[in-house]
């Protein structure tokens, strides 16, 4: 009986591992568009946040598609629509909270919980998405500072903490694009202690002379370094680019093709 349980467990682990491997290949071969579904969640339970979620429509997220279209053309990807974004109905369930100061084990357990929660709470009625982005909205009146957003490559899940404010939606979408890129293999290119981009990979124009001010943000660097002591979050994806190091990580550029 014990041997049977071990065999079943090993079979499940092999299946999960194989599924994760195939998902990684499928989402980074860029033969077809990556289908991304955004699930809005009222994270603070206020009526103002409810009203904002009710105002969302498909066009709210057009700049995410436009960003990937524009950057794909720069890298000559040869795919007209690398990312297609769809809006699901409001999801009336809260995801498991990430641990504040996690150990490696804490991160593993939370990742498993998040993946199970995502599978069990899915309310999308269309074709199965490649990537799920859960956008948790907070009223800026009640939550002036938001926790760090996260993207999971295993599970292809993004958890975005966002402001329920139309003036902030540009930054919400920028963060969503950042976390989406995590799910397909991109790494952070900023210093976690300062949140400032790391030169050279975290800069949009690492060879510019003079180096400052930078005029755009590298999407995984997250900020525009306008001077040695000032780095600003751009207001929207129109002020961000995918740098060559990120392009290599997501299979848009071969290491030999790096400038």
C-alpha atoms as a PDB file:
ATOM      1  CA  UNK A   1       0.000   0.000   0.000  1.00  0.00           C
ATOM      2  CA  UNK A   2       2.840   2.356   0.876  1.00  0.00           C
ATOM      3  CA  UNK A   3       4.569   1.531  -2.401  1.00  0.00           C
ATOM      4  CA  UNK A   4       1.356   2.337  -4.293  1.00  0.00           C
ATOM      5  CA  UNK A   5       1.082   5.738  -2.600  1.00  0.00           C
ATOM      6  CA  UNK A   6       4.679   6.502  -3.535  1.00  0.00           C
ATOM      7  CA  UNK A   7       4.039   5.507  -7.151  1.00  0.00           C
ATOM      8  CA  UNK A   8       0.916   7.703  -7.296  1.00  0.00           C
ATOM      9  CA  UNK A   9       2.806  10.647  -5.770  1.00  0.00           C
ATOM     10  CA  UNK A  10       5.701  10.267  -8.182  1.00  0.00           C
ATOM     11  CA  UNK A  11       3.265  10.057 -11.100  1.00  0.00           C
ATOM     12  CA  UNK A  12       1.573  13.274 -10.000  1.00  0.00           C
ATOM     13  CA  UNK A  13       4.937  15.028  -9.582  1.00  0.00           C
ATOM     14  CA  UNK A  14       6.062  13.901 -13.029  1.00  0.00           C
ATOM     15  CA  UNK A  15       2.768  15.102 -14.542  1.00  0.00           C
ATOM     16  CA  UNK A  16       3.010  18.494 -12.818  1.00  0.00           C
ATOM     17  CA  UNK A  17       6.637  18.890 -13.842  1.00  0.00           C
ATOM     18  CA  UNK A  18       5.942  17.889 -17.441  1.00  0.00           C
ATOM     19  CA  UNK A  19       2.954  20.242 -17.615  1.00  0.00           C
ATOM     20  CA  UNK A  20       5.058  23.126 -16.271  1.00  0.00           C
ATOM     21  CA  UNK A  21       7.808  22.362 -18.800  1.00  0.00           C
ATOM     22  CA  UNK A  22       5.389  22.217 -21.734  1.00  0.00           C
ATOM     23  CA  UNK A  23       3.676  25.421 -20.576  1.00  0.00           C
ATOM     24  CA  UNK A  24       7.033  27.185 -20.452  1.00  0.00           C
ATOM     25  CA  UNK A  25       7.861  26.063 -23.991  1.00  0.00           C
ATOM     26  CA  UNK A  26       4.414  26.999 -25.318  1.00  0.00           C
ATOM     27  CA  UNK A  27       4.451  30.486 -23.833  1.00  0.00           C
ATOM     28  CA  UNK A  28       7.965  31.376 -24.993  1.00  0.00           C
ATOM     29  CA  UNK A  29       8.081  29.970 -28.517  1.00  0.00           C
ATOM     30  CA  UNK A  30       6.007  32.973 -29.739  1.00  0.00           C
ATOM     31  CA  UNK A  31       4.438  31.010 -32.561  1.00  0.00           C
ATOM     32  CA  UNK A  32       0.979  32.178 -31.502  1.00  0.00           C
ATOM     33  CA  UNK A  33      -0.421  35.053 -29.469  1.00  0.00           C
ATOM     34  CA  UNK A  34      -0.214  34.759 -25.708  1.00  0.00           C
ATOM     35  CA  UNK A  35      -3.755  34.905 -24.300  1.00  0.00           C
ATOM     36  CA  UNK A  36      -3.888  36.912 -21.089  1.00  0.00           C
ATOM     37  CA  UNK A  37      -6.999  37.324 -18.929  1.00  0.00           C
ATOM     38  CA  UNK A  38      -7.278  40.097 -16.331  1.00  0.00           C
ATOM     39  CA  UNK A  39      -9.444  39.273 -13.317  1.00  0.00           C
ATOM     40  CA  UNK A  40     -10.492  42.408 -11.358  1.00  0.00           C
ATOM     41  CA  UNK A  41     -10.895  41.992  -7.589  1.00  0.00           C
ATOM     42  CA  UNK A  42     -12.236  44.461  -5.027  1.00  0.00           C
ATOM     43  CA  UNK A  43      -9.412  44.129  -2.506  1.00  0.00           C
ATOM     44  CA  UNK A  44     -10.638  46.657   0.092  1.00  0.00           C
ATOM     45  CA  UNK A  45     -14.392  46.004  -0.103  1.00  0.00           C
ATOM     46  CA  UNK A  46     -15.358  49.660  -0.573  1.00  0.00           C
ATOM     47  CA  UNK A  47     -18.194  50.907  -2.750  1.00  0.00           C
ATOM     48  CA  UNK A  48     -15.826  53.311  -4.544  1.00  0.00           C
ATOM     49  CA  UNK A  49     -13.672  50.391  -5.615  1.00  0.00           C
ATOM     50  CA  UNK A  50     -16.792  48.532  -6.745  1.00  0.00           C
ATOM     51  CA  UNK A  51     -17.773  51.526  -8.874  1.00  0.00           C
ATOM     52  CA  UNK A  52     -14.347  51.693 -10.439  1.00  0.00           C
ATOM     53  CA  UNK A  53     -14.322  47.983 -11.302  1.00  0.00           C
ATOM     54  CA  UNK A  54     -17.773  48.400 -12.871  1.00  0.00           C
ATOM     55  CA  UNK A  55     -16.320  51.112 -15.142  1.00  0.00           C
ATOM     56  CA  UNK A  56     -13.614  48.825 -16.564  1.00  0.00           C
ATOM     57  CA  UNK A  57     -13.939  47.537 -20.098  1.00  0.00           C
ATOM     58  CA  UNK A  58     -11.787  45.844 -22.703  1.00  0.00           C
ATOM     59  CA  UNK A  59     -10.297  49.159 -23.844  1.00  0.00           C
ATOM     60  CA  UNK A  60      -8.905  49.803 -20.351  1.00  0.00           C
ATOM     61  CA  UNK A  61      -6.076  47.379 -21.107  1.00  0.00           C
ATOM     62  CA  UNK A  62      -5.406  48.214 -24.758  1.00  0.00           C
ATOM     63  CA  UNK A  63      -2.094  49.857 -23.937  1.00  0.00           C
ATOM     64  CA  UNK A  64      -0.730  46.505 -22.696  1.00  0.00           C
ATOM     65  CA  UNK A  65      -1.355  44.994 -26.117  1.00  0.00           C
ATOM     66  CA  UNK A  66      -0.006  48.136 -27.817  1.00  0.00           C
ATOM     67  CA  UNK A  67       3.184  47.976 -25.725  1.00  0.00           C
ATOM     68  CA  UNK A  68       3.924  44.385 -26.712  1.00  0.00           C
ATOM     69  CA  UNK A  69       3.012  45.094 -30.348  1.00  0.00           C
ATOM     70  CA  UNK A  70       5.419  48.028 -30.469  1.00  0.00           C
ATOM     71  CA  UNK A  71       8.285  46.247 -28.741  1.00  0.00           C
ATOM     72  CA  UNK A  72       7.838  43.058 -30.781  1.00  0.00           C
ATOM     73  CA  UNK A  73       8.232  45.096 -33.967  1.00  0.00           C
ATOM     74  CA  UNK A  74      11.481  46.573 -32.629  1.00  0.00           C
ATOM     75  CA  UNK A  75      12.825  43.041 -32.177  1.00  0.00           C
ATOM     76  CA  UNK A  76      11.347  41.832 -35.496  1.00  0.00           C
ATOM     77  CA  UNK A  77       9.450  39.055 -33.765  1.00  0.00           C
ATOM     78  CA  UNK A  78       7.277  38.354 -36.806  1.00  0.00           C
ATOM     79  CA  UNK A  79       4.046  38.015 -34.801  1.00  0.00           C
ATOM     80  CA  UNK A  80       1.411  40.699 -35.246  1.00  0.00           C
ATOM     81  CA  UNK A  81      -0.235  40.204 -31.841  1.00  0.00           C
ATOM     82  CA  UNK A  82       2.247  38.701 -29.378  1.00  0.00           C
ATOM     83  CA  UNK A  83      -0.129  39.396 -26.475  1.00  0.00           C
ATOM     84  CA  UNK A  84      -3.922  39.530 -26.447  1.00  0.00           C
ATOM     85  CA  UNK A  85      -5.578  40.812 -23.280  1.00  0.00           C
ATOM     86  CA  UNK A  86      -9.129  39.995 -22.189  1.00  0.00           C
ATOM     87  CA  UNK A  87     -11.172  41.216 -19.228  1.00  0.00           C
ATOM     88  CA  UNK A  88     -13.036  38.731 -17.051  1.00  0.00           C
ATOM     89  CA  UNK A  89     -16.008  39.499 -14.816  1.00  0.00           C
ATOM     90  CA  UNK A  90     -15.209  40.715 -11.308  1.00  0.00           C
ATOM     91  CA  UNK A  91     -13.903  37.874  -9.183  1.00  0.00           C
ATOM     92  CA  UNK A  92     -15.548  37.788  -5.753  1.00  0.00           C
ATOM     93  CA  UNK A  93     -12.769  35.924  -3.967  1.00  0.00           C
ATOM     94  CA  UNK A  94      -9.508  37.002  -2.389  1.00  0.00           C
ATOM     95  CA  UNK A  95      -6.244  35.253  -3.286  1.00  0.00           C
ATOM     96  CA  UNK A  96      -3.970  33.919  -0.550  1.00  0.00           C
ATOM     97  CA  UNK A  97      -1.802  36.715   0.838  1.00  0.00           C
ATOM     98  CA  UNK A  98       1.909  36.385   0.063  1.00  0.00           C
ATOM     99  CA  UNK A  99       4.109  36.056   3.158  1.00  0.00           C
ATOM    100  CA  UNK A 100       5.685  39.338   4.275  1.00  0.00           C
ATOM    101  CA  UNK A 101       9.187  38.036   5.069  1.00  0.00           C
ATOM    102  CA  UNK A 102       9.161  34.660   3.383  1.00  0.00           C
ATOM    103  CA  UNK A 103      11.598  31.808   3.681  1.00  0.00           C
ATOM    104  CA  UNK A 104      12.185  29.585   0.663  1.00  0.00           C
ATOM    105  CA  UNK A 105       9.648  27.118   2.075  1.00  0.00           C
ATOM    106  CA  UNK A 106       7.115  29.926   2.624  1.00  0.00           C
ATOM    107  CA  UNK A 107       7.469  30.968  -1.007  1.00  0.00           C
ATOM    108  CA  UNK A 108       6.996  27.409  -2.238  1.00  0.00           C
ATOM    109  CA  UNK A 109       3.899  26.869  -0.091  1.00  0.00           C
ATOM    110  CA  UNK A 110       2.368  30.198  -1.120  1.00  0.00           C
ATOM    111  CA  UNK A 111       3.043  29.456  -4.801  1.00  0.00           C
ATOM    112  CA  UNK A 112       1.244  26.125  -4.497  1.00  0.00           C
ATOM    113  CA  UNK A 113      -1.668  27.743  -2.638  1.00  0.00           C
ATOM    114  CA  UNK A 114      -1.912  30.479  -5.257  1.00  0.00           C
ATOM    115  CA  UNK A 115      -1.934  28.015  -8.122  1.00  0.00           C
ATOM    116  CA  UNK A 116      -4.647  25.899  -6.476  1.00  0.00           C
ATOM    117  CA  UNK A 117      -6.700  29.009  -5.676  1.00  0.00           C
ATOM    118  CA  UNK A 118      -6.382  30.195  -9.280  1.00  0.00           C
ATOM    119  CA  UNK A 119      -7.560  26.842 -10.603  1.00  0.00           C
ATOM    120  CA  UNK A 120     -10.484  26.577  -8.175  1.00  0.00           C
ATOM    121  CA  UNK A 121     -11.798  30.170  -8.485  1.00  0.00           C
ATOM    122  CA  UNK A 122     -11.540  30.759 -12.218  1.00  0.00           C
ATOM    123  CA  UNK A 123     -14.656  32.562 -13.534  1.00  0.00           C
ATOM    124  CA  UNK A 124     -13.474  33.126 -17.114  1.00  0.00           C
ATOM    125  CA  UNK A 125     -15.897  31.684 -19.677  1.00  0.00           C
ATOM    126  CA  UNK A 126     -13.719  31.873 -22.775  1.00  0.00           C
ATOM    127  CA  UNK A 127     -10.863  29.686 -24.041  1.00  0.00           C
ATOM    128  CA  UNK A 128      -8.321  28.764 -21.384  1.00  0.00           C
ATOM    129  CA  UNK A 129      -5.836  31.640 -21.004  1.00  0.00           C
ATOM    130  CA  UNK A 130      -2.092  31.200 -21.128  1.00  0.00           C
ATOM    131  CA  UNK A 131      -1.564  33.752 -18.346  1.00  0.00           C
ATOM    132  CA  UNK A 132      -3.908  34.901 -15.583  1.00  0.00           C
ATOM    133  CA  UNK A 133      -3.452  38.382 -14.108  1.00  0.00           C
ATOM    134  CA  UNK A 134      -5.343  38.998 -10.874  1.00  0.00           C
ATOM    135  CA  UNK A 135      -5.646  42.771 -10.453  1.00  0.00           C
ATOM    136  CA  UNK A 136      -6.508  43.632  -6.859  1.00  0.00           C
ATOM    137  CA  UNK A 137      -7.938  47.146  -6.709  1.00  0.00           C
ATOM    138  CA  UNK A 138      -7.642  49.425  -3.690  1.00  0.00           C
ATOM    139  CA  UNK A 139      -9.101  52.891  -3.241  1.00  0.00           C
ATOM    140  CA  UNK A 140      -6.206  55.390  -3.091  1.00  0.00           C
ATOM    141  CA  UNK A 141      -8.116  57.190  -0.312  1.00  0.00           C
ATOM    142  CA  UNK A 142      -7.808  54.162   1.976  1.00  0.00           C
ATOM    143  CA  UNK A 143      -4.575  52.598   0.747  1.00  0.00           C
ATOM    144  CA  UNK A 144      -1.966  55.213  -0.202  1.00  0.00           C
ATOM    145  CA  UNK A 145       0.818  52.603  -0.435  1.00  0.00           C
ATOM    146  CA  UNK A 146       0.441  49.177  -2.039  1.00  0.00           C
ATOM    147  CA  UNK A 147       2.309  45.948  -1.417  1.00  0.00           C
ATOM    148  CA  UNK A 148       4.669  44.614  -4.027  1.00  0.00           C
ATOM    149  CA  UNK A 149       3.054  42.845  -6.973  1.00  0.00           C
ATOM    150  CA  UNK A 150       4.197  39.383  -8.044  1.00  0.00           C
ATOM    151  CA  UNK A 151       4.507  37.220 -11.143  1.00  0.00           C
ATOM    152  CA  UNK A 152       4.855  33.421 -11.090  1.00  0.00           C
ATOM    153  CA  UNK A 153       6.443  31.606 -14.007  1.00  0.00           C
ATOM    154  CA  UNK A 154       5.282  28.289 -12.558  1.00  0.00           C
ATOM    155  CA  UNK A 155       1.541  28.572 -12.914  1.00  0.00           C
ATOM    156  CA  UNK A 156       1.710  31.593 -15.272  1.00  0.00           C
ATOM    157  CA  UNK A 157       0.014  33.853 -12.736  1.00  0.00           C
ATOM    158  CA  UNK A 158       0.394  37.570 -12.004  1.00  0.00           C
ATOM    159  CA  UNK A 159      -0.874  39.188  -8.803  1.00  0.00           C
ATOM    160  CA  UNK A 160      -1.088  42.951  -9.292  1.00  0.00           C
ATOM    161  CA  UNK A 161      -1.936  45.423  -6.539  1.00  0.00           C
ATOM    162  CA  UNK A 162      -3.541  48.405  -8.244  1.00  0.00           C
ATOM    163  CA  UNK A 163      -5.259  51.714  -7.490  1.00  0.00           C
ATOM    164  CA  UNK A 164      -8.976  52.064  -8.257  1.00  0.00           C
ATOM    165  CA  UNK A 165      -8.421  55.359 -10.038  1.00  0.00           C
ATOM    166  CA  UNK A 166      -8.566  56.103 -13.768  1.00  0.00           C
ATOM    167  CA  UNK A 167      -5.580  58.444 -13.462  1.00  0.00           C
ATOM    168  CA  UNK A 168      -3.530  55.550 -12.058  1.00  0.00           C
ATOM    169  CA  UNK A 169      -4.606  52.942 -14.606  1.00  0.00           C
ATOM    170  CA  UNK A 170      -1.609  53.674 -16.816  1.00  0.00           C
ATOM    171  CA  UNK A 171       0.707  52.640 -13.988  1.00  0.00           C
ATOM    172  CA  UNK A 172      -1.556  49.708 -13.122  1.00  0.00           C
ATOM    173  CA  UNK A 173      -1.099  48.416 -16.661  1.00  0.00           C
ATOM    174  CA  UNK A 174       2.647  49.046 -16.531  1.00  0.00           C
ATOM    175  CA  UNK A 175       2.875  46.882 -13.406  1.00  0.00           C
ATOM    176  CA  UNK A 176       0.676  44.241 -15.040  1.00  0.00           C
ATOM    177  CA  UNK A 177       3.011  44.124 -18.058  1.00  0.00           C
ATOM    178  CA  UNK A 178       6.010  43.811 -15.700  1.00  0.00           C
ATOM    179  CA  UNK A 179       4.425  40.865 -13.863  1.00  0.00           C
ATOM    180  CA  UNK A 180       3.301  39.310 -17.152  1.00  0.00           C
ATOM    181  CA  UNK A 181       6.910  39.324 -18.295  1.00  0.00           C
ATOM    182  CA  UNK A 182       7.901  37.542 -15.086  1.00  0.00           C
ATOM    183  CA  UNK A 183       5.551  34.702 -16.022  1.00  0.00           C
ATOM    184  CA  UNK A 184       7.411  34.146 -19.298  1.00  0.00           C
ATOM    185  CA  UNK A 185      10.868  34.203 -17.760  1.00  0.00           C
ATOM    186  CA  UNK A 186      11.966  37.834 -17.356  1.00  0.00           C
ATOM    187  CA  UNK A 187      13.872  38.768 -14.206  1.00  0.00           C
ATOM    188  CA  UNK A 188      13.810  41.981 -12.167  1.00  0.00           C
ATOM    189  CA  UNK A 189      16.458  44.501 -13.115  1.00  0.00           C
ATOM    190  CA  UNK A 190      16.310  46.821 -10.130  1.00  0.00           C
ATOM    191  CA  UNK A 191      17.961  46.873  -6.718  1.00  0.00           C
ATOM    192  CA  UNK A 192      15.404  45.542  -4.187  1.00  0.00           C
ATOM    193  CA  UNK A 193      16.916  47.757  -1.485  1.00  0.00           C
ATOM    194  CA  UNK A 194      16.354  51.019  -3.361  1.00  0.00           C
ATOM    195  CA  UNK A 195      13.918  49.992  -6.143  1.00  0.00           C
ATOM    196  CA  UNK A 196      16.197  51.822  -8.558  1.00  0.00           C
ATOM    197  CA  UNK A 197      17.121  50.255 -11.909  1.00  0.00           C
ATOM    198  CA  UNK A 198      20.470  48.502 -12.150  1.00  0.00           C
ATOM    199  CA  UNK A 199      22.832  49.631 -14.879  1.00  0.00           C
ATOM    200  CA  UNK A 200      23.139  48.461 -17.611  1.00  0.00           C
ATOM    201  CA  UNK A 201      20.279  45.954 -17.976  1.00  0.00           C
ATOM    202  CA  UNK A 202      17.748  48.028 -16.037  1.00  0.00           C
ATOM    203  CA  UNK A 203      18.239  51.119 -18.188  1.00  0.00           C
ATOM    204  CA  UNK A 204      16.336  51.830 -21.395  1.00  0.00           C
ATOM    205  CA  UNK A 205      19.405  53.586 -22.866  1.00  0.00           C
ATOM    206  CA  UNK A 206      22.436  52.129 -21.069  1.00  0.00           C
ATOM    207  CA  UNK A 207      24.949  53.524 -23.599  1.00  0.00           C
ATOM    208  CA  UNK A 208      23.532  57.043 -23.738  1.00  0.00           C
ATOM    209  CA  UNK A 209      26.068  59.857 -23.265  1.00  0.00           C
ATOM    210  CA  UNK A 210      25.598  61.560 -20.968  1.00  0.00           C
ATOM    211  CA  UNK A 211      23.804  58.721 -19.201  1.00  0.00           C
ATOM    212  CA  UNK A 212      21.335  61.035 -17.446  1.00  0.00           C
ATOM    213  CA  UNK A 213      18.588  61.879 -17.791  1.00  0.00           C
ATOM    214  CA  UNK A 214      17.105  58.662 -19.097  1.00  0.00           C
ATOM    215  CA  UNK A 215      13.873  59.384 -20.975  1.00  0.00           C
ATOM    216  CA  UNK A 216      12.219  55.962 -20.645  1.00  0.00           C
ATOM    217  CA  UNK A 217      12.146  52.993 -18.292  1.00  0.00           C
ATOM    218  CA  UNK A 218      13.285  49.470 -19.060  1.00  0.00           C
ATOM    219  CA  UNK A 219      10.125  47.560 -18.134  1.00  0.00           C
ATOM    220  CA  UNK A 220      11.861  45.161 -15.714  1.00  0.00           C
ATOM    221  CA  UNK A 221      13.939  48.008 -14.274  1.00  0.00           C
ATOM    222  CA  UNK A 222      10.659  49.683 -13.412  1.00  0.00           C
ATOM    223  CA  UNK A 223      11.784  53.296 -13.143  1.00  0.00           C
ATOM    224  CA  UNK A 224      13.216  56.116 -15.217  1.00  0.00           C
ATOM    225  CA  UNK A 225      16.569  57.165 -13.771  1.00  0.00           C
ATOM    226  CA  UNK A 226      16.438  60.906 -14.455  1.00  0.00           C
ATOM    227  CA  UNK A 227      19.536  61.684 -12.371  1.00  0.00           C
ATOM    228  CA  UNK A 228      22.005  59.769 -10.167  1.00  0.00           C
ATOM    229  CA  UNK A 229      19.705  60.442  -7.192  1.00  0.00           C
ATOM    230  CA  UNK A 230      16.204  60.458  -8.714  1.00  0.00           C
ATOM    231  CA  UNK A 231      14.300  57.522 -10.242  1.00  0.00           C
ATOM    232  CA  UNK A 232      10.623  57.853 -11.137  1.00  0.00           C
ATOM    233  CA  UNK A 233       7.896  55.348 -11.994  1.00  0.00           C
ATOM    234  CA  UNK A 234       6.643  56.269 -15.473  1.00  0.00           C
ATOM    235  CA  UNK A 235       2.948  57.151 -15.797  1.00  0.00           C
ATOM    236  CA  UNK A 236       2.234  54.571 -18.485  1.00  0.00           C
ATOM    237  CA  UNK A 237       3.645  51.955 -20.829  1.00  0.00           C
ATOM    238  CA  UNK A 238       4.237  54.604 -23.488  1.00  0.00           C
ATOM    239  CA  UNK A 239       7.328  55.544 -21.446  1.00  0.00           C
ATOM    240  CA  UNK A 240       8.706  51.985 -21.176  1.00  0.00           C
ATOM    241  CA  UNK A 241      10.678  49.601 -23.397  1.00  0.00           C
ATOM    242  CA  UNK A 242      11.831  45.991 -23.326  1.00  0.00           C
ATOM    243  CA  UNK A 243      15.611  46.009 -23.075  1.00  0.00           C
ATOM    244  CA  UNK A 244      17.868  43.508 -24.806  1.00  0.00           C
ATOM    245  CA  UNK A 245      18.588  41.498 -21.643  1.00  0.00           C
ATOM    246  CA  UNK A 246      14.858  41.050 -21.051  1.00  0.00           C
ATOM    247  CA  UNK A 247      14.314  40.224 -24.730  1.00  0.00           C
ATOM    248  CA  UNK A 248      16.877  37.422 -24.434  1.00  0.00           C
ATOM    249  CA  UNK A 249      15.163  36.031 -21.335  1.00  0.00           C
ATOM    250  CA  UNK A 250      11.749  35.861 -23.027  1.00  0.00           C
ATOM    251  CA  UNK A 251      13.175  34.402 -26.253  1.00  0.00           C
ATOM    252  CA  UNK A 252      12.709  37.493 -28.419  1.00  0.00           C
ATOM    253  CA  UNK A 253      16.431  37.862 -29.043  1.00  0.00           C
ATOM    254  CA  UNK A 254      19.319  35.407 -29.169  1.00  0.00           C
ATOM    255  CA  UNK A 255      22.370  36.203 -27.035  1.00  0.00           C
ATOM    256  CA  UNK A 256      24.394  36.414 -30.255  1.00  0.00           C
ATOM    257  CA  UNK A 257      22.000  39.075 -31.552  1.00  0.00           C
ATOM    258  CA  UNK A 258      22.462  41.393 -28.562  1.00  0.00           C
ATOM    259  CA  UNK A 259      23.773  44.793 -29.484  1.00  0.00           C
END
